[in-house]
């Protein structure tokens, strides 16, 4: 299945909905860092401020969040 195109604003809102927070070392620039402490494992996701986010970049974000493709597809389309 093909991943849908999504803006950075939408993706950031979706990650915050599942428990990600702004990283404490947030700086100025063209990327947003979000983190989540999941079962003792710290996950860090870097999202570029782009509209739409390129598919290859979405795949990289999916790997950073440790999600499978099907899980990530449902996450993006929900």
PDB file of N, CA and C in Angstrom:
ATOM      1  N   UNK A   1       0.831  -1.184   0.000  1.00  0.00           N
ATOM      2  CA  UNK A   1       0.000   0.000   0.000  1.00  0.00           C
ATOM      3  C   UNK A   1       0.873   1.245   0.000  1.00  0.00           C
ATOM      4  N   UNK A   2       0.411   2.242  -0.683  1.00  0.00           N
ATOM      5  CA  UNK A   2       1.166   3.477  -0.852  1.00  0.00           C
ATOM      6  C   UNK A   2       0.897   4.414   0.329  1.00  0.00           C
ATOM      7  N   UNK A   3       1.955   4.974   0.882  1.00  0.00           N
ATOM      8  CA  UNK A   3       1.786   5.920   1.985  1.00  0.00           C
ATOM      9  C   UNK A   3       1.195   7.222   1.459  1.00  0.00           C
ATOM     10  N   UNK A   4       0.254   7.809   2.197  1.00  0.00           N
ATOM     11  CA  UNK A   4      -0.344   9.069   1.751  1.00  0.00           C
ATOM     12  C   UNK A   4       0.612  10.240   1.960  1.00  0.00           C
ATOM     13  N   UNK A   5       0.420  11.288   1.184  1.00  0.00           N
ATOM     14  CA  UNK A   5       1.208  12.500   1.398  1.00  0.00           C
ATOM     15  C   UNK A   5       0.619  13.240   2.594  1.00  0.00           C
ATOM     16  N   UNK A   6       1.490  13.781   3.407  1.00  0.00           N
ATOM     17  CA  UNK A   6       1.059  14.449   4.629  1.00  0.00           C
ATOM     18  C   UNK A   6       1.982  15.636   4.888  1.00  0.00           C
ATOM     19  N   UNK A   7       1.420  16.684   5.492  1.00  0.00           N
ATOM     20  CA  UNK A   7       2.223  17.861   5.832  1.00  0.00           C
ATOM     21  C   UNK A   7       2.897  17.647   7.186  1.00  0.00           C
ATOM     22  N   UNK A   8       3.926  18.419   7.442  1.00  0.00           N
ATOM     23  CA  UNK A   8       4.629  18.298   8.721  1.00  0.00           C
ATOM     24  C   UNK A   8       3.716  18.687   9.881  1.00  0.00           C
ATOM     25  N   UNK A   9       2.878  19.686   9.681  1.00  0.00           N
ATOM     26  CA  UNK A   9       1.962  20.128  10.735  1.00  0.00           C
ATOM     27  C   UNK A   9       1.031  18.987  11.149  1.00  0.00           C
ATOM     28  N   UNK A  10       0.468  18.294  10.170  1.00  0.00           N
ATOM     29  CA  UNK A  10      -0.429  17.168  10.442  1.00  0.00           C
ATOM     30  C   UNK A  10       0.320  16.033  11.121  1.00  0.00           C
ATOM     31  N   UNK A  11       1.517  15.725  10.648  1.00  0.00           N
ATOM     32  CA  UNK A  11       2.291  14.623  11.210  1.00  0.00           C
ATOM     33  C   UNK A  11       2.690  14.905  12.657  1.00  0.00           C
ATOM     34  N   UNK A  12       3.067  16.129  12.953  1.00  0.00           N
ATOM     35  CA  UNK A  12       3.424  16.502  14.326  1.00  0.00           C
ATOM     36  C   UNK A  12       2.220  16.329  15.247  1.00  0.00           C
ATOM     37  N   UNK A  13       1.039  16.771  14.799  1.00  0.00           N
ATOM     38  CA  UNK A  13      -0.173  16.610  15.611  1.00  0.00           C
ATOM     39  C   UNK A  13      -0.469  15.136  15.864  1.00  0.00           C
ATOM     40  N   UNK A  14      -0.293  14.285  14.859  1.00  0.00           N
ATOM     41  CA  UNK A  14      -0.561  12.856  15.014  1.00  0.00           C
ATOM     42  C   UNK A  14       0.409  12.215  16.008  1.00  0.00           C
ATOM     43  N   UNK A  15       1.696  12.579  15.936  1.00  0.00           N
ATOM     44  CA  UNK A  15       2.663  12.022  16.877  1.00  0.00           C
ATOM     45  C   UNK A  15       2.375  12.492  18.303  1.00  0.00           C
ATOM     46  N   UNK A  16       1.979  13.730  18.472  1.00  0.00           N
ATOM     47  CA  UNK A  16       1.661  14.223  19.817  1.00  0.00           C
ATOM     48  C   UNK A  16       0.429  13.512  20.381  1.00  0.00           C
ATOM     49  N   UNK A  17      -0.496  13.134  19.510  1.00  0.00           N
ATOM     50  CA  UNK A  17      -1.695  12.423  19.942  1.00  0.00           C
ATOM     51  C   UNK A  17      -1.366  11.048  20.522  1.00  0.00           C
ATOM     52  N   UNK A  18      -0.257  10.439  20.086  1.00  0.00           N
ATOM     53  CA  UNK A  18       0.102   9.112  20.601  1.00  0.00           C
ATOM     54  C   UNK A  18       1.200   9.181  21.670  1.00  0.00           C
ATOM     55  N   UNK A  19       1.412  10.363  22.234  1.00  0.00           N
ATOM     56  CA  UNK A  19       2.285  10.472  23.396  1.00  0.00           C
ATOM     57  C   UNK A  19       3.653  11.089  23.181  1.00  0.00           C
ATOM     58  N   UNK A  20       3.980  11.504  21.980  1.00  0.00           N
ATOM     59  CA  UNK A  20       5.265  12.173  21.744  1.00  0.00           C
ATOM     60  C   UNK A  20       5.189  13.606  22.260  1.00  0.00           C
ATOM     61  N   UNK A  21       6.333  14.117  22.717  1.00  0.00           N
ATOM     62  CA  UNK A  21       6.422  15.478  23.241  1.00  0.00           C
ATOM     63  C   UNK A  21       7.555  16.210  22.536  1.00  0.00           C
ATOM     64  N   UNK A  22       7.525  17.532  22.625  1.00  0.00           N
ATOM     65  CA  UNK A  22       8.631  18.317  22.077  1.00  0.00           C
ATOM     66  C   UNK A  22       9.907  17.958  22.825  1.00  0.00           C
ATOM     67  N   UNK A  23      10.979  17.767  22.088  1.00  0.00           N
ATOM     68  CA  UNK A  23      12.262  17.444  22.703  1.00  0.00           C
ATOM     69  C   UNK A  23      12.773  18.663  23.472  1.00  0.00           C
ATOM     70  N   UNK A  24      13.422  18.445  24.621  1.00  0.00           N
ATOM     71  CA  UNK A  24      13.882  19.576  25.438  1.00  0.00           C
ATOM     72  C   UNK A  24      14.989  20.399  24.780  1.00  0.00           C
ATOM     73  N   UNK A  25      15.667  19.849  23.777  1.00  0.00           N
ATOM     74  CA  UNK A  25      16.760  20.564  23.127  1.00  0.00           C
ATOM     75  C   UNK A  25      16.309  21.224  21.835  1.00  0.00           C
ATOM     76  N   UNK A  26      15.040  21.526  21.756  1.00  0.00           N
ATOM     77  CA  UNK A  26      14.464  22.131  20.548  1.00  0.00           C
ATOM     78  C   UNK A  26      15.185  23.432  20.215  1.00  0.00           C
ATOM     79  N   UNK A  27      15.615  23.549  19.000  1.00  0.00           N
ATOM     80  CA  UNK A  27      16.288  24.762  18.559  1.00  0.00           C
ATOM     81  C   UNK A  27      15.519  25.416  17.433  1.00  0.00           C
ATOM     82  N   UNK A  28      16.083  26.456  16.897  1.00  0.00           N
ATOM     83  CA  UNK A  28      15.467  27.107  15.751  1.00  0.00           C
ATOM     84  C   UNK A  28      15.887  26.349  14.503  1.00  0.00           C
ATOM     85  N   UNK A  29      15.062  26.393  13.504  1.00  0.00           N
ATOM     86  CA  UNK A  29      15.454  25.734  12.269  1.00  0.00           C
ATOM     87  C   UNK A  29      14.282  25.140  11.527  1.00  0.00           C
ATOM     88  N   UNK A  30      14.600  24.292  10.575  1.00  0.00           N
ATOM     89  CA  UNK A  30      13.586  23.759   9.683  1.00  0.00           C
ATOM     90  C   UNK A  30      13.136  22.355  10.059  1.00  0.00           C
ATOM     91  N   UNK A  31      13.465  21.893  11.275  1.00  0.00           N
ATOM     92  CA  UNK A  31      13.053  20.571  11.726  1.00  0.00           C
ATOM     93  C   UNK A  31      12.466  20.659  13.134  1.00  0.00           C
ATOM     94  N   UNK A  32      11.599  19.697  13.446  1.00  0.00           N
ATOM     95  CA  UNK A  32      11.008  19.593  14.780  1.00  0.00           C
ATOM     96  C   UNK A  32      11.427  18.247  15.357  1.00  0.00           C
ATOM     97  N   UNK A  33      11.903  18.249  16.593  1.00  0.00           N
ATOM     98  CA  UNK A  33      12.307  17.021  17.269  1.00  0.00           C
ATOM     99  C   UNK A  33      11.246  16.662  18.300  1.00  0.00           C
ATOM    100  N   UNK A  34      10.763  15.416  18.241  1.00  0.00           N
ATOM    101  CA  UNK A  34       9.785  14.905  19.196  1.00  0.00           C
ATOM    102  C   UNK A  34      10.363  13.653  19.841  1.00  0.00           C
ATOM    103  N   UNK A  35      10.041  13.424  21.120  1.00  0.00           N
ATOM    104  CA  UNK A  35      10.531  12.218  21.768  1.00  0.00           C
ATOM    105  C   UNK A  35       9.423  11.565  22.573  1.00  0.00           C
ATOM    106  N   UNK A  36       9.639  10.271  22.855  1.00  0.00           N
ATOM    107  CA  UNK A  36       8.694   9.490  23.647  1.00  0.00           C
ATOM    108  C   UNK A  36       9.500   8.451  24.407  1.00  0.00           C
ATOM    109  N   UNK A  37       9.165   8.264  25.675  1.00  0.00           N
ATOM    110  CA  UNK A  37       9.797   7.232  26.486  1.00  0.00           C
ATOM    111  C   UNK A  37       8.842   6.042  26.501  1.00  0.00           C
ATOM    112  N   UNK A  38       9.122   5.046  25.664  1.00  0.00           N
ATOM    113  CA  UNK A  38       8.228   3.896  25.513  1.00  0.00           C
ATOM    114  C   UNK A  38       8.868   2.649  26.114  1.00  0.00           C
ATOM    115  N   UNK A  39       8.313   2.166  27.213  1.00  0.00           N
ATOM    116  CA  UNK A  39       8.792   0.936  27.851  1.00  0.00           C
ATOM    117  C   UNK A  39      10.289   0.978  28.140  1.00  0.00           C
ATOM    118  N   UNK A  40      10.766   2.109  28.626  1.00  0.00           N
ATOM    119  CA  UNK A  40      12.174   2.246  28.954  1.00  0.00           C
ATOM    120  C   UNK A  40      13.065   2.559  27.767  1.00  0.00           C
ATOM    121  N   UNK A  41      12.488   2.590  26.575  1.00  0.00           N
ATOM    122  CA  UNK A  41      13.238   2.919  25.366  1.00  0.00           C
ATOM    123  C   UNK A  41      12.873   4.322  24.930  1.00  0.00           C
ATOM    124  N   UNK A  42      13.869   5.164  24.749  1.00  0.00           N
ATOM    125  CA  UNK A  42      13.593   6.533  24.309  1.00  0.00           C
ATOM    126  C   UNK A  42      13.589   6.581  22.790  1.00  0.00           C
ATOM    127  N   UNK A  43      12.498   7.086  22.232  1.00  0.00           N
ATOM    128  CA  UNK A  43      12.368   7.222  20.787  1.00  0.00           C
ATOM    129  C   UNK A  43      12.451   8.695  20.424  1.00  0.00           C
ATOM    130  N   UNK A  44      13.258   9.017  19.445  1.00  0.00           N
ATOM    131  CA  UNK A  44      13.412  10.382  18.964  1.00  0.00           C
ATOM    132  C   UNK A  44      13.052  10.413  17.486  1.00  0.00           C
ATOM    133  N   UNK A  45      12.139  11.306  17.132  1.00  0.00           N
ATOM    134  CA  UNK A  45      11.689  11.450  15.750  1.00  0.00           C
ATOM    135  C   UNK A  45      11.980  12.878  15.310  1.00  0.00           C
ATOM    136  N   UNK A  46      12.647  13.021  14.175  1.00  0.00           N
ATOM    137  CA  UNK A  46      12.955  14.333  13.610  1.00  0.00           C
ATOM    138  C   UNK A  46      12.062  14.534  12.394  1.00  0.00           C
ATOM    139  N   UNK A  47      11.262  15.602  12.401  1.00  0.00           N
ATOM    140  CA  UNK A  47      10.316  15.874  11.320  1.00  0.00           C
ATOM    141  C   UNK A  47      10.680  17.201  10.663  1.00  0.00           C
ATOM    142  N   UNK A  48      10.929  17.180   9.354  1.00  0.00           N
ATOM    143  CA  UNK A  48      11.223  18.439   8.656  1.00  0.00           C
ATOM    144  C   UNK A  48       9.944  19.240   8.453  1.00  0.00           C
ATOM    145  N   UNK A  49      10.063  20.557   8.489  1.00  0.00           N
ATOM    146  CA  UNK A  49       8.901  21.421   8.254  1.00  0.00           C
ATOM    147  C   UNK A  49       8.736  21.584   6.750  1.00  0.00           C
ATOM    148  N   UNK A  50       7.966  20.665   6.144  1.00  0.00           N
ATOM    149  CA  UNK A  50       7.739  20.681   4.699  1.00  0.00           C
ATOM    150  C   UNK A  50       6.297  20.296   4.418  1.00  0.00           C
ATOM    151  N   UNK A  51       5.809  20.711   3.279  1.00  0.00           N
ATOM    152  CA  UNK A  51       4.448  20.366   2.879  1.00  0.00           C
ATOM    153  C   UNK A  51       4.421  20.091   1.385  1.00  0.00           C
ATOM    154  N   UNK A  52       4.241  18.862   0.992  1.00  0.00           N
ATOM    155  CA  UNK A  52       4.165  17.633   1.783  1.00  0.00           C
ATOM    156  C   UNK A  52       5.563  17.083   2.092  1.00  0.00           C
ATOM    157  N   UNK A  53       5.607  16.174   3.050  1.00  0.00           N
ATOM    158  CA  UNK A  53       6.859  15.505   3.389  1.00  0.00           C
ATOM    159  C   UNK A  53       7.106  14.430   2.327  1.00  0.00           C
ATOM    160  N   UNK A  54       8.298  14.388   1.725  1.00  0.00           N
ATOM    161  CA  UNK A  54       8.593  13.372   0.706  1.00  0.00           C
ATOM    162  C   UNK A  54       8.450  11.946   1.259  1.00  0.00           C
ATOM    163  N   UNK A  55       8.078  11.015   0.390  1.00  0.00           N
ATOM    164  CA  UNK A  55       7.835   9.632   0.798  1.00  0.00           C
ATOM    165  C   UNK A  55       9.082   9.008   1.435  1.00  0.00           C
ATOM    166  N   UNK A  56      10.250   9.250   0.877  1.00  0.00           N
ATOM    167  CA  UNK A  56      11.481   8.705   1.456  1.00  0.00           C
ATOM    168  C   UNK A  56      11.722   9.211   2.868  1.00  0.00           C
ATOM    169  N   UNK A  57      11.382  10.459   3.111  1.00  0.00           N
ATOM    170  CA  UNK A  57      11.516  11.039   4.450  1.00  0.00           C
ATOM    171  C   UNK A  57      10.497  10.415   5.396  1.00  0.00           C
ATOM    172  N   UNK A  58       9.280  10.159   4.905  1.00  0.00           N
ATOM    173  CA  UNK A  58       8.271   9.477   5.727  1.00  0.00           C
ATOM    174  C   UNK A  58       8.759   8.088   6.134  1.00  0.00           C
ATOM    175  N   UNK A  59       9.420   7.391   5.213  1.00  0.00           N
ATOM    176  CA  UNK A  59       9.954   6.062   5.530  1.00  0.00           C
ATOM    177  C   UNK A  59      11.023   6.159   6.626  1.00  0.00           C
ATOM    178  N   UNK A  60      11.846   7.192   6.575  1.00  0.00           N
ATOM    179  CA  UNK A  60      12.864   7.397   7.598  1.00  0.00           C
ATOM    180  C   UNK A  60      12.219   7.690   8.955  1.00  0.00           C
ATOM    181  N   UNK A  61      11.178   8.510   8.951  1.00  0.00           N
ATOM    182  CA  UNK A  61      10.456   8.827  10.188  1.00  0.00           C
ATOM    183  C   UNK A  61       9.815   7.564  10.751  1.00  0.00           C
ATOM    184  N   UNK A  62       9.277   6.720   9.868  1.00  0.00           N
ATOM    185  CA  UNK A  62       8.670   5.450  10.280  1.00  0.00           C
ATOM    186  C   UNK A  62       9.704   4.586  11.006  1.00  0.00           C
ATOM    187  N   UNK A  63      10.925   4.526  10.481  1.00  0.00           N
ATOM    188  CA  UNK A  63      11.978   3.733  11.117  1.00  0.00           C
ATOM    189  C   UNK A  63      12.391   4.333  12.458  1.00  0.00           C
ATOM    190  N   UNK A  64      12.457   5.665  12.536  1.00  0.00           N
ATOM    191  CA  UNK A  64      12.815   6.324  13.794  1.00  0.00           C
ATOM    192  C   UNK A  64      11.784   6.018  14.875  1.00  0.00           C
ATOM    193  N   UNK A  65      10.507   5.927  14.477  1.00  0.00           N
ATOM    194  CA  UNK A  65       9.422   5.653  15.425  1.00  0.00           C
ATOM    195  C   UNK A  65       9.260   4.160  15.691  1.00  0.00           C
ATOM    196  N   UNK A  66      10.070   3.340  15.001  1.00  0.00           N
ATOM    197  CA  UNK A  66      10.026   1.881  15.139  1.00  0.00           C
ATOM    198  C   UNK A  66       8.631   1.324  14.865  1.00  0.00           C
ATOM    199  N   UNK A  67       8.055   1.759  13.758  1.00  0.00           N
ATOM    200  CA  UNK A  67       6.746   1.274  13.325  1.00  0.00           C
ATOM    201  C   UNK A  67       6.916   0.439  12.066  1.00  0.00           C
ATOM    202  N   UNK A  68       6.059  -0.556  11.920  1.00  0.00           N
ATOM    203  CA  UNK A  68       5.997  -1.327  10.681  1.00  0.00           C
ATOM    204  C   UNK A  68       5.230  -0.510   9.651  1.00  0.00           C
ATOM    205  N   UNK A  69       5.389  -0.852   8.384  1.00  0.00           N
ATOM    206  CA  UNK A  69       4.748  -0.084   7.308  1.00  0.00           C
ATOM    207  C   UNK A  69       3.223  -0.076   7.446  1.00  0.00           C
ATOM    208  N   UNK A  70       2.617  -1.232   7.729  1.00  0.00           N
ATOM    209  CA  UNK A  70       1.159  -1.301   7.877  1.00  0.00           C
ATOM    210  C   UNK A  70       0.686  -0.448   9.053  1.00  0.00           C
ATOM    211  N   UNK A  71       1.412  -0.536  10.159  1.00  0.00           N
ATOM    212  CA  UNK A  71       1.083   0.248  11.352  1.00  0.00           C
ATOM    213  C   UNK A  71       1.206   1.748  11.062  1.00  0.00           C
ATOM    214  N   UNK A  72       2.260   2.126  10.339  1.00  0.00           N
ATOM    215  CA  UNK A  72       2.486   3.531  10.006  1.00  0.00           C
ATOM    216  C   UNK A  72       1.404   4.037   9.050  1.00  0.00           C
ATOM    217  N   UNK A  73       0.988   3.197   8.103  1.00  0.00           N
ATOM    218  CA  UNK A  73      -0.079   3.566   7.173  1.00  0.00           C
ATOM    219  C   UNK A  73      -1.373   3.856   7.942  1.00  0.00           C
ATOM    220  N   UNK A  74      -1.732   2.969   8.871  1.00  0.00           N
ATOM    221  CA  UNK A  74      -2.941   3.186   9.682  1.00  0.00           C
ATOM    222  C   UNK A  74      -2.810   4.439  10.539  1.00  0.00           C
ATOM    223  N   UNK A  75      -1.619   4.680  11.064  1.00  0.00           N
ATOM    224  CA  UNK A  75      -1.352   5.873  11.861  1.00  0.00           C
ATOM    225  C   UNK A  75      -1.571   7.134  11.025  1.00  0.00           C
ATOM    226  N   UNK A  76      -1.088   7.135   9.777  1.00  0.00           N
ATOM    227  CA  UNK A  76      -1.223   8.308   8.912  1.00  0.00           C
ATOM    228  C   UNK A  76      -2.653   8.528   8.434  1.00  0.00           C
ATOM    229  N   UNK A  77      -3.399   7.459   8.248  1.00  0.00           N
ATOM    230  CA  UNK A  77      -4.748   7.585   7.688  1.00  0.00           C
ATOM    231  C   UNK A  77      -5.831   7.680   8.750  1.00  0.00           C
ATOM    232  N   UNK A  78      -5.486   7.559  10.009  1.00  0.00           N
ATOM    233  CA  UNK A  78      -6.515   7.640  11.068  1.00  0.00           C
ATOM    234  C   UNK A  78      -6.809   9.073  11.456  1.00  0.00           C
TER     235      UNK A  78
END
